[in-house]
């Protein structure tokens, strides 16, 4: 059971929340640009790759379009102590695709294969995996997934949607068994990890068993729910206290607005949630959040008393 990499979400503070309340079997970082790792943006990339020893096993995800940079990045990531390297070949963000990276690689199988080989060349001691989609505009399992498997990667994570579908249509889990069949045919040692529309830990285990895949990657269902991998149902009080704790762990006043996407995920499904969310969106720092949550919890206790 794996935590999905989500850009702007799964930073070190988010992962520390999961570490405390429900650790996945494997952590994944947000993705970093292989070119950026050797540019003026290097410090930002290294900050994204920061992790604590308790997070092992943890995989670093990278993106880009130049094989030579993938080799250099793999060497660097190995030195940083990661347990694996994952290549993003599925991100649908237009800015990423314009650089020939992410989902754009689905249109260039030869380049994708060169990138995998370069990454494996740079990573001498740790495994290399790929995360991608079923295809670009349509199902391209045969012409896209097959050549990726033929590169004998350690693991292949499939988001069961095409790039065109984004999140607008249900994940096509009915295609999982076909992916497994191709794996068994071309690269029996490759682990298959499924991703898309997984709402609970119970559902994740059922999907893994039904489709005979090796793992499940969960993304959006972990937002506002660091208890996901422990399968615990938190109380309203626990969820609200977690907001304060998450903001404190984030500890970057200059980037405070980044935290606001989490407020919507934590504060929902109870009386007064909308009003609380609206007020949380007006906060400017940790102390504002702490005061607001404490006042709300006090009113909640009085109502119940």
Protein backbone atom coordinates (compact mmCIF):
# COMPACT_ATOMS: atom_id res chain seq x y z
CA UNK A 1 0.00 0.00 0.00
CA UNK A 2 1.70 3.11 -1.34
CA UNK A 3 1.22 6.85 -0.98
CA UNK A 4 0.95 8.47 -4.40
CA UNK A 5 3.20 11.37 -5.35
CA UNK A 6 1.09 14.51 -5.71
CA UNK A 7 2.78 17.75 -6.71
CA UNK A 8 2.24 20.51 -4.18
CA UNK A 9 0.69 18.06 -1.71
CA UNK A 10 2.95 15.21 -0.62
CA UNK A 11 5.73 17.33 0.84
CA UNK A 12 7.68 16.37 3.95
CA UNK A 13 5.03 17.83 6.30
CA UNK A 14 2.28 15.77 4.66
CA UNK A 15 4.39 12.63 4.84
CA UNK A 16 5.20 13.25 8.51
CA UNK A 17 1.47 13.37 9.24
CA UNK A 18 1.06 9.95 7.62
CA UNK A 19 4.12 8.69 9.44
CA UNK A 20 2.44 9.50 12.74
CA UNK A 21 -1.14 8.43 12.02
CA UNK A 22 -0.94 5.73 9.36
CA UNK A 23 2.30 4.87 7.62
CA UNK A 24 2.03 3.39 4.12
CA UNK A 25 4.25 0.48 3.12
CA UNK A 26 6.17 2.82 0.79
CA UNK A 27 6.45 6.62 0.66
CA UNK A 28 6.85 8.53 -2.62
CA UNK A 29 8.11 12.11 -2.88
CA UNK A 30 6.65 14.85 -5.04
CA UNK A 31 8.35 14.79 -8.40
CA UNK A 32 11.43 16.90 -9.16
CA UNK A 33 12.84 18.01 -12.49
CA UNK A 34 16.05 16.22 -13.47
CA UNK A 35 17.19 19.36 -15.26
CA UNK A 36 16.18 21.52 -12.29
CA UNK A 37 18.33 19.43 -9.97
CA UNK A 38 21.39 20.82 -11.79
CA UNK A 39 20.21 24.38 -12.30
CA UNK A 40 19.72 27.51 -10.21
CA UNK A 41 16.63 25.79 -8.84
CA UNK A 42 18.75 23.06 -7.27
CA UNK A 43 18.02 24.08 -3.67
CA UNK A 44 14.27 23.94 -4.28
CA UNK A 45 14.64 20.45 -5.74
CA UNK A 46 16.74 19.30 -2.81
CA UNK A 47 14.14 20.69 -0.40
CA UNK A 48 11.49 18.63 -2.19
CA UNK A 49 13.70 15.55 -1.80
CA UNK A 50 14.20 16.09 1.92
CA UNK A 51 13.01 13.16 4.04
CA UNK A 52 13.43 11.73 7.53
CA UNK A 53 15.05 8.33 8.30
CA UNK A 54 11.70 7.06 9.65
CA UNK A 55 10.18 7.36 6.18
CA UNK A 56 12.11 4.42 4.72
CA UNK A 57 11.30 2.83 2.37
CA UNK A 58 10.93 5.98 0.27
CA UNK A 59 11.09 6.47 -3.50
CA UNK A 60 12.10 9.70 -5.25
CA UNK A 61 10.06 10.58 -8.31
CA UNK A 62 11.67 12.51 -11.16
CA UNK A 63 10.55 13.96 -14.49
CA UNK A 64 12.17 15.42 -17.57
CA UNK A 65 13.00 14.64 -21.18
CA UNK A 66 16.82 14.53 -21.43
CA UNK A 67 18.31 11.06 -20.80
CA UNK A 68 21.69 12.49 -19.80
CA UNK A 69 20.10 14.42 -16.94
CA UNK A 70 18.22 11.33 -15.80
CA UNK A 71 21.54 9.51 -15.42
CA UNK A 72 23.02 12.37 -13.38
CA UNK A 73 19.86 12.70 -11.28
CA UNK A 74 19.82 8.97 -10.56
CA UNK A 75 23.41 9.12 -9.31
CA UNK A 76 22.52 12.05 -7.08
CA UNK A 77 19.35 10.46 -5.69
CA UNK A 78 21.18 7.25 -4.90
CA UNK A 79 23.70 9.26 -2.86
CA UNK A 80 20.85 10.93 -0.97
CA UNK A 81 19.86 7.55 0.44
CA UNK A 82 16.58 6.84 -1.33
CA UNK A 83 15.30 3.28 -1.69
CA UNK A 84 14.23 3.68 -5.29
CA UNK A 85 13.76 6.05 -8.23
CA UNK A 86 10.47 6.46 -10.09
CA UNK A 87 10.15 8.09 -13.50
CA UNK A 88 6.99 10.11 -14.09
CA UNK A 89 5.59 9.32 -17.54
CA UNK A 90 1.99 10.26 -16.88
CA UNK A 91 1.67 13.81 -15.54
CA UNK A 92 -0.91 15.67 -17.71
CA UNK A 93 0.16 19.18 -16.68
CA UNK A 94 0.56 21.26 -19.86
CA UNK A 95 3.72 23.00 -18.64
CA UNK A 96 5.33 19.60 -18.00
CA UNK A 97 4.22 18.22 -21.35
CA UNK A 98 5.54 21.26 -23.23
CA UNK A 99 8.99 20.22 -22.01
CA UNK A 100 8.49 16.77 -23.52
CA UNK A 101 8.09 15.24 -20.06
CA UNK A 102 5.33 13.49 -18.11
CA UNK A 103 2.49 12.19 -20.29
CA UNK A 104 4.19 13.60 -23.42
CA UNK A 105 6.55 10.61 -23.26
CA UNK A 106 3.62 8.32 -24.13
CA UNK A 107 3.94 9.82 -27.63
CA UNK A 108 7.67 9.04 -27.82
CA UNK A 109 8.33 5.42 -26.91
CA UNK A 110 11.96 5.52 -28.08
CA UNK A 111 12.78 8.48 -25.84
CA UNK A 112 10.96 6.84 -22.93
CA UNK A 113 13.13 3.74 -23.33
CA UNK A 114 16.30 5.84 -23.52
CA UNK A 115 15.29 7.59 -20.29
CA UNK A 116 14.72 4.30 -18.48
CA UNK A 117 18.10 2.98 -19.59
CA UNK A 118 19.90 6.18 -18.60
CA UNK A 119 18.24 6.15 -15.17
CA UNK A 120 19.20 2.52 -14.61
CA UNK A 121 22.75 3.34 -15.65
CA UNK A 122 22.91 6.10 -13.04
CA UNK A 123 21.23 4.09 -10.30
CA UNK A 124 23.66 1.25 -9.66
CA UNK A 125 22.27 0.04 -6.34
CA UNK A 126 18.61 1.05 -6.15
CA UNK A 127 15.61 -0.04 -8.27
CA UNK A 128 14.05 2.01 -11.06
CA UNK A 129 10.29 2.14 -11.65
CA UNK A 130 7.86 4.00 -13.92
CA UNK A 131 4.48 5.60 -13.23
CA UNK A 132 2.28 6.18 -16.26
CA UNK A 133 -1.22 5.97 -17.75
CA UNK A 134 -3.07 3.61 -20.11
CA UNK A 135 -2.31 5.81 -23.09
CA UNK A 136 -2.57 9.36 -24.33
CA UNK A 137 -5.87 9.92 -26.16
CA UNK A 138 -6.98 6.29 -26.00
CA UNK A 139 -6.11 2.88 -24.62
CA UNK A 140 -2.57 2.15 -25.88
CA UNK A 141 -1.67 -0.79 -23.66
CA UNK A 142 -0.15 -2.90 -26.46
CA UNK A 143 1.99 -0.20 -28.07
CA UNK A 144 2.87 1.75 -24.88
CA UNK A 145 2.91 -0.56 -21.86
CA UNK A 146 4.56 -3.50 -23.65
CA UNK A 147 7.81 -1.67 -24.58
CA UNK A 148 8.04 -0.17 -21.09
CA UNK A 149 7.79 -3.65 -19.56
CA UNK A 150 10.44 -4.90 -21.98
CA UNK A 151 12.91 -2.57 -20.23
CA UNK A 152 12.67 -4.86 -17.16
CA UNK A 153 11.91 -2.12 -14.66
CA UNK A 154 11.43 -3.08 -11.01
CA UNK A 155 7.87 -1.76 -10.81
CA UNK A 156 5.25 -0.25 -13.08
CA UNK A 157 2.49 1.90 -11.61
CA UNK A 158 -0.54 2.30 -13.85
CA UNK A 159 -3.04 5.08 -13.34
CA UNK A 160 -6.00 3.40 -15.00
CA UNK A 161 -6.97 6.39 -17.11
CA UNK A 162 -5.64 7.90 -20.33
CA UNK A 163 -4.07 11.33 -20.36
CA UNK A 164 -7.14 12.66 -22.19
CA UNK A 165 -9.50 11.35 -19.50
CA UNK A 166 -7.65 13.21 -16.73
CA UNK A 167 -9.96 12.69 -13.70
CA UNK A 168 -13.23 13.17 -15.59
CA UNK A 169 -14.01 9.48 -16.03
CA UNK A 170 -13.86 6.45 -13.71
CA UNK A 171 -10.56 4.58 -13.55
CA UNK A 172 -10.60 1.54 -15.87
CA UNK A 173 -9.70 -1.18 -13.40
CA UNK A 174 -11.19 -3.72 -15.81
CA UNK A 175 -7.90 -3.45 -17.76
CA UNK A 176 -5.70 -4.47 -14.82
CA UNK A 177 -5.69 -8.17 -15.72
CA UNK A 178 -4.50 -7.37 -19.24
CA UNK A 179 -1.58 -5.41 -17.78
CA UNK A 180 -0.75 -8.37 -15.53
CA UNK A 181 -0.89 -10.71 -18.53
CA UNK A 182 1.61 -8.53 -20.42
CA UNK A 183 3.83 -8.36 -17.34
CA UNK A 184 3.85 -12.15 -17.05
CA UNK A 185 4.73 -12.38 -20.74
CA UNK A 186 7.45 -9.73 -21.05
CA UNK A 187 8.85 -9.03 -17.56
CA UNK A 188 7.72 -11.54 -14.92
CA UNK A 189 9.77 -9.92 -12.15
CA UNK A 190 8.21 -6.46 -12.57
CA UNK A 191 5.78 -5.47 -9.82
CA UNK A 192 2.45 -4.06 -11.00
CA UNK A 193 0.92 -1.27 -8.91
CA UNK A 194 -2.58 0.03 -9.60
CA UNK A 195 -3.77 3.61 -9.10
CA UNK A 196 -7.04 5.48 -9.52
CA UNK A 197 -10.30 6.05 -7.61
CA UNK A 198 -9.32 4.05 -4.53
CA UNK A 199 -11.46 5.36 -1.68
CA UNK A 200 -10.60 3.04 1.23
CA UNK A 201 -8.01 0.60 2.48
CA UNK A 202 -10.56 -2.22 2.27
CA UNK A 203 -11.24 -1.42 -1.38
CA UNK A 204 -7.48 -1.28 -2.03
CA UNK A 205 -6.97 -4.81 -0.69
CA UNK A 206 -9.95 -6.07 -2.67
CA UNK A 207 -8.65 -4.57 -5.91
CA UNK A 208 -5.19 -6.05 -5.35
CA UNK A 209 -6.59 -9.51 -4.68
CA UNK A 210 -9.16 -9.44 -7.49
CA UNK A 211 -6.67 -8.30 -10.13
CA UNK A 212 -3.64 -10.20 -8.79
CA UNK A 213 -1.49 -7.10 -8.71
CA UNK A 214 1.36 -6.42 -6.31
CA UNK A 215 0.35 -3.09 -4.84
CA UNK A 216 -2.08 -0.20 -4.78
CA UNK A 217 -1.12 3.47 -4.90
CA UNK A 218 -3.54 5.86 -3.19
CA UNK A 219 -3.60 9.60 -3.81
CA UNK A 220 -6.60 11.86 -3.30
CA UNK A 221 -8.20 9.69 -0.61
CA UNK A 222 -5.30 10.50 1.73
CA UNK A 223 -5.98 14.26 1.58
CA UNK A 224 -7.21 15.41 4.96
CA UNK A 225 -6.95 11.82 6.11
CA UNK A 226 -3.50 10.87 7.44
CA UNK A 227 -5.26 7.90 9.09
CA UNK A 228 -5.97 6.27 5.71
CA UNK A 229 -3.32 3.55 5.93
CA UNK A 230 -4.26 2.69 9.52
CA UNK A 231 -7.90 2.30 8.46
CA UNK A 232 -9.00 4.39 11.43
CA UNK A 233 -12.06 6.64 11.32
CA UNK A 234 -11.04 9.84 13.14
CA UNK A 235 -13.40 11.98 15.21
CA UNK A 236 -14.17 15.57 14.23
CA UNK A 237 -11.94 16.74 17.08
CA UNK A 238 -9.04 14.61 15.86
CA UNK A 239 -9.38 15.93 12.32
CA UNK A 240 -9.44 19.55 13.46
CA UNK A 241 -6.48 19.11 15.79
CA UNK A 242 -4.64 17.53 12.87
CA UNK A 243 -5.07 20.76 10.89
CA UNK A 244 -3.13 22.66 13.56
CA UNK A 245 -0.47 19.97 13.71
CA UNK A 246 -0.09 19.87 9.94
CA UNK A 247 0.34 23.65 9.70
CA UNK A 248 2.94 23.55 12.47
CA UNK A 249 4.89 20.82 10.67
CA UNK A 250 4.71 22.74 7.39
CA UNK A 251 6.62 25.56 9.08
CA UNK A 252 7.11 27.83 6.05
CA UNK A 253 5.38 31.20 6.61
CA UNK A 254 6.35 32.42 3.14
CA UNK A 255 4.48 29.54 1.49
CA UNK A 256 1.56 29.48 3.93
CA UNK A 257 -1.09 29.53 1.18
CA UNK A 258 0.10 26.09 0.06
CA UNK A 259 -1.52 24.72 3.22
CA UNK A 260 -4.96 26.04 2.31
CA UNK A 261 -5.71 23.20 -0.10
CA UNK A 262 -5.52 20.88 2.92
CA UNK A 263 -8.09 22.90 4.91
CA UNK A 264 -10.85 21.86 2.49
CA UNK A 265 -9.92 18.21 2.88
CA UNK A 266 -9.78 18.18 6.69
CA UNK A 267 -12.79 20.37 7.45
CA UNK A 268 -15.79 18.74 5.78
CA UNK A 269 -18.77 16.55 6.60
CA UNK A 270 -19.88 18.10 9.89
CA UNK A 271 -22.09 20.96 11.09
CA UNK A 272 -20.34 24.28 10.69
CA UNK A 273 -17.68 22.86 8.34
CA UNK A 274 -18.32 25.32 5.51
CA UNK A 275 -18.15 28.34 7.81
CA UNK A 276 -14.96 26.99 9.38
CA UNK A 277 -13.38 26.39 5.96
CA UNK A 278 -14.26 29.91 4.85
CA UNK A 279 -12.62 31.35 7.93
CA UNK A 280 -9.58 29.08 7.59
CA UNK A 281 -9.08 30.42 4.07
CA UNK A 282 -8.72 33.90 5.58
CA UNK A 283 -5.95 32.88 8.00
CA UNK A 284 -2.43 34.15 7.42
CA UNK A 285 -0.27 32.01 9.69
CA UNK A 286 -0.04 29.13 12.17
CA UNK A 287 -1.24 31.23 15.13
CA UNK A 288 -4.37 32.31 13.24
CA UNK A 289 -5.19 28.68 12.47
CA UNK A 290 -4.49 27.50 16.02
CA UNK A 291 -6.73 30.17 17.55
CA UNK A 292 -9.57 29.54 15.09
CA UNK A 293 -9.54 25.77 15.61
CA UNK A 294 -9.34 26.08 19.40
CA UNK A 295 -12.33 28.43 19.42
CA UNK A 296 -14.33 26.08 17.19
CA UNK A 297 -13.49 23.06 19.38
CA UNK A 298 -14.49 25.01 22.49
CA UNK A 299 -17.91 25.79 20.98
CA UNK A 300 -18.25 22.16 19.92
CA UNK A 301 -17.53 20.97 23.47
CA UNK A 302 -20.10 23.39 24.91
CA UNK A 303 -22.78 22.15 22.52
CA UNK A 304 -22.11 18.56 23.50
CA UNK A 305 -21.90 19.40 27.19
